[in-house]
């Protein structure tokens, strides 16, 4: 999820989170998972204020692909 900086602090991210959770519940999901960079404290505060809790850490692997 990404909110353009010009539209932050206006409830857009919160509305998106709630809409996703509502749709997921209607579709039969039992939870919503999301991730963010550990330095993104603003996003973490939003997620926690919406009832999300920290789960297990996940490793993210990258491998560059060179063009030949």
N, C-alpha and C. Protein backbone atom coordinates (compact mmCIF):
# COMPACT_ATOMS: atom_id res chain seq x y z
N UNK A 1 0.85 -1.16 0.00
CA UNK A 1 0.00 0.00 0.00
C UNK A 1 0.89 1.22 0.00
N UNK A 2 0.49 2.22 -0.76
CA UNK A 2 1.26 3.45 -0.82
C UNK A 2 0.30 4.62 -0.92
N UNK A 3 0.55 5.64 -0.12
CA UNK A 3 -0.23 6.87 -0.19
C UNK A 3 0.73 7.99 -0.58
N UNK A 4 0.38 8.70 -1.62
CA UNK A 4 1.20 9.82 -2.09
C UNK A 4 1.41 10.80 -0.93
N UNK A 5 2.62 11.29 -0.76
CA UNK A 5 2.90 12.21 0.35
C UNK A 5 1.94 13.40 0.42
N UNK A 6 1.46 13.88 -0.70
CA UNK A 6 0.54 15.02 -0.70
C UNK A 6 -0.81 14.67 -0.07
N UNK A 7 -1.10 13.37 0.05
CA UNK A 7 -2.40 12.95 0.58
C UNK A 7 -2.29 12.26 1.94
N UNK A 8 -1.11 12.25 2.51
CA UNK A 8 -0.93 11.64 3.83
C UNK A 8 -1.48 12.56 4.91
N UNK A 9 -1.79 11.95 6.05
CA UNK A 9 -2.33 12.67 7.21
C UNK A 9 -3.74 13.20 6.95
N UNK A 10 -4.45 12.56 6.00
CA UNK A 10 -5.83 12.95 5.70
C UNK A 10 -6.78 11.76 5.80
N UNK A 11 -6.30 10.65 6.37
CA UNK A 11 -7.15 9.47 6.56
C UNK A 11 -7.21 8.52 5.38
N UNK A 12 -6.43 8.79 4.34
CA UNK A 12 -6.46 7.95 3.14
C UNK A 12 -5.95 6.54 3.45
N UNK A 13 -4.80 6.45 4.10
CA UNK A 13 -4.24 5.15 4.44
C UNK A 13 -5.16 4.36 5.35
N UNK A 14 -5.73 5.02 6.33
CA UNK A 14 -6.65 4.37 7.26
C UNK A 14 -7.88 3.84 6.51
N UNK A 15 -8.41 4.65 5.60
CA UNK A 15 -9.58 4.23 4.81
C UNK A 15 -9.23 3.02 3.94
N UNK A 16 -8.04 3.03 3.35
CA UNK A 16 -7.61 1.89 2.53
C UNK A 16 -7.48 0.63 3.37
N UNK A 17 -6.86 0.73 4.53
CA UNK A 17 -6.72 -0.43 5.41
C UNK A 17 -8.08 -1.00 5.80
N UNK A 18 -8.99 -0.14 6.15
CA UNK A 18 -10.32 -0.60 6.55
C UNK A 18 -11.07 -1.23 5.39
N UNK A 19 -10.94 -0.64 4.21
CA UNK A 19 -11.61 -1.20 3.03
C UNK A 19 -11.06 -2.59 2.70
N UNK A 20 -9.75 -2.74 2.77
CA UNK A 20 -9.14 -4.04 2.50
C UNK A 20 -9.61 -5.07 3.53
N UNK A 21 -9.61 -4.70 4.80
CA UNK A 21 -10.05 -5.63 5.85
C UNK A 21 -11.51 -6.02 5.66
N UNK A 22 -12.35 -5.05 5.31
CA UNK A 22 -13.76 -5.35 5.07
C UNK A 22 -13.93 -6.31 3.90
N UNK A 23 -13.26 -6.03 2.80
CA UNK A 23 -13.35 -6.90 1.61
C UNK A 23 -12.81 -8.29 1.91
N UNK A 24 -11.70 -8.35 2.62
CA UNK A 24 -11.11 -9.64 2.95
C UNK A 24 -12.07 -10.46 3.80
N UNK A 25 -12.68 -9.82 4.79
CA UNK A 25 -13.65 -10.52 5.63
C UNK A 25 -14.85 -11.01 4.84
N UNK A 26 -15.35 -10.19 3.93
CA UNK A 26 -16.47 -10.59 3.08
C UNK A 26 -16.11 -11.77 2.19
N UNK A 27 -14.84 -11.86 1.82
CA UNK A 27 -14.38 -12.95 0.96
C UNK A 27 -14.03 -14.21 1.76
N UNK A 28 -14.17 -14.15 3.08
CA UNK A 28 -13.92 -15.31 3.92
C UNK A 28 -12.54 -15.39 4.53
N UNK A 29 -11.73 -14.36 4.34
CA UNK A 29 -10.39 -14.37 4.93
C UNK A 29 -10.49 -14.28 6.45
N UNK A 30 -9.54 -14.87 7.12
CA UNK A 30 -9.53 -14.84 8.59
C UNK A 30 -8.52 -13.84 9.13
N UNK A 31 -7.66 -13.31 8.26
CA UNK A 31 -6.72 -12.29 8.69
C UNK A 31 -6.19 -11.54 7.47
N UNK A 32 -5.62 -10.39 7.74
CA UNK A 32 -4.95 -9.59 6.73
C UNK A 32 -3.50 -9.47 7.17
N UNK A 33 -2.59 -9.72 6.26
CA UNK A 33 -1.17 -9.60 6.55
C UNK A 33 -0.59 -8.48 5.71
N UNK A 34 0.33 -7.76 6.29
CA UNK A 34 1.04 -6.73 5.55
C UNK A 34 2.44 -6.61 6.10
N UNK A 35 3.28 -5.92 5.37
CA UNK A 35 4.66 -5.73 5.83
C UNK A 35 5.11 -4.32 5.47
N UNK A 36 6.12 -3.89 6.19
CA UNK A 36 6.71 -2.58 5.94
C UNK A 36 8.17 -2.62 6.35
N UNK A 37 8.92 -1.70 5.85
CA UNK A 37 10.32 -1.60 6.25
C UNK A 37 10.38 -1.28 7.74
N UNK A 38 11.36 -1.85 8.42
CA UNK A 38 11.44 -1.64 9.87
C UNK A 38 11.71 -0.19 10.25
N UNK A 39 12.13 0.63 9.30
CA UNK A 39 12.37 2.05 9.59
C UNK A 39 11.15 2.93 9.32
N UNK A 40 10.08 2.35 8.78
CA UNK A 40 8.89 3.13 8.43
C UNK A 40 7.97 3.24 9.64
N UNK A 41 8.36 4.07 10.57
CA UNK A 41 7.63 4.20 11.83
C UNK A 41 6.24 4.79 11.64
N UNK A 42 6.06 5.65 10.66
CA UNK A 42 4.75 6.25 10.41
C UNK A 42 3.75 5.17 10.00
N UNK A 43 4.15 4.28 9.10
CA UNK A 43 3.27 3.20 8.68
C UNK A 43 2.99 2.25 9.85
N UNK A 44 4.02 1.94 10.61
CA UNK A 44 3.84 1.03 11.75
C UNK A 44 2.84 1.60 12.74
N UNK A 45 2.92 2.88 13.00
CA UNK A 45 1.97 3.51 13.93
C UNK A 45 0.55 3.41 13.40
N UNK A 46 0.37 3.62 12.10
CA UNK A 46 -0.96 3.49 11.50
C UNK A 46 -1.47 2.06 11.65
N UNK A 47 -0.65 1.09 11.28
CA UNK A 47 -1.08 -0.31 11.35
C UNK A 47 -1.45 -0.70 12.77
N UNK A 48 -0.63 -0.32 13.73
CA UNK A 48 -0.91 -0.66 15.12
C UNK A 48 -2.17 0.03 15.62
N UNK A 49 -2.42 1.26 15.17
CA UNK A 49 -3.64 1.96 15.60
C UNK A 49 -4.89 1.31 15.02
N UNK A 50 -4.71 0.50 13.97
CA UNK A 50 -5.83 -0.21 13.36
C UNK A 50 -5.92 -1.66 13.84
N UNK A 51 -5.15 -1.99 14.88
CA UNK A 51 -5.26 -3.30 15.49
C UNK A 51 -4.30 -4.36 14.98
N UNK A 52 -3.42 -4.01 14.06
CA UNK A 52 -2.42 -4.96 13.59
C UNK A 52 -1.36 -5.14 14.67
N UNK A 53 -0.84 -6.35 14.77
CA UNK A 53 0.23 -6.65 15.72
C UNK A 53 1.43 -7.20 14.95
N UNK A 54 2.59 -7.05 15.54
CA UNK A 54 3.82 -7.53 14.91
C UNK A 54 3.84 -9.05 14.93
N UNK A 55 4.14 -9.62 13.78
CA UNK A 55 4.27 -11.07 13.67
C UNK A 55 5.73 -11.47 13.63
N UNK A 56 5.96 -12.64 13.13
CA UNK A 56 7.33 -13.14 13.02
C UNK A 56 8.09 -12.39 11.93
N UNK A 57 9.38 -12.18 12.14
CA UNK A 57 10.16 -11.51 11.10
C UNK A 57 10.27 -12.40 9.86
N UNK A 58 10.31 -11.77 8.72
CA UNK A 58 10.41 -12.48 7.44
C UNK A 58 11.66 -12.01 6.72
N UNK A 59 12.39 -12.92 6.15
CA UNK A 59 13.56 -12.55 5.35
C UNK A 59 13.12 -12.34 3.92
N UNK A 60 13.64 -11.30 3.33
CA UNK A 60 13.33 -10.96 1.94
C UNK A 60 14.60 -11.16 1.13
N UNK A 61 14.55 -12.02 0.13
CA UNK A 61 15.73 -12.31 -0.67
C UNK A 61 15.63 -11.65 -2.03
N UNK A 62 16.74 -11.08 -2.48
CA UNK A 62 16.83 -10.44 -3.79
C UNK A 62 18.00 -11.03 -4.56
N UNK A 63 17.83 -11.11 -5.85
CA UNK A 63 18.94 -11.55 -6.70
C UNK A 63 18.92 -10.71 -7.96
N UNK A 64 19.97 -9.94 -8.19
CA UNK A 64 20.02 -9.14 -9.41
C UNK A 64 20.06 -10.04 -10.65
N UNK A 65 19.44 -9.58 -11.69
CA UNK A 65 19.47 -10.28 -12.97
C UNK A 65 20.17 -9.38 -13.96
N UNK A 66 21.27 -9.84 -14.47
CA UNK A 66 22.01 -9.02 -15.43
C UNK A 66 21.51 -9.33 -16.84
N UNK A 67 21.42 -8.30 -17.64
CA UNK A 67 21.02 -8.47 -19.03
C UNK A 67 22.22 -8.89 -19.84
N UNK A 68 22.06 -9.85 -20.68
CA UNK A 68 23.19 -10.33 -21.50
C UNK A 68 22.95 -10.05 -22.95
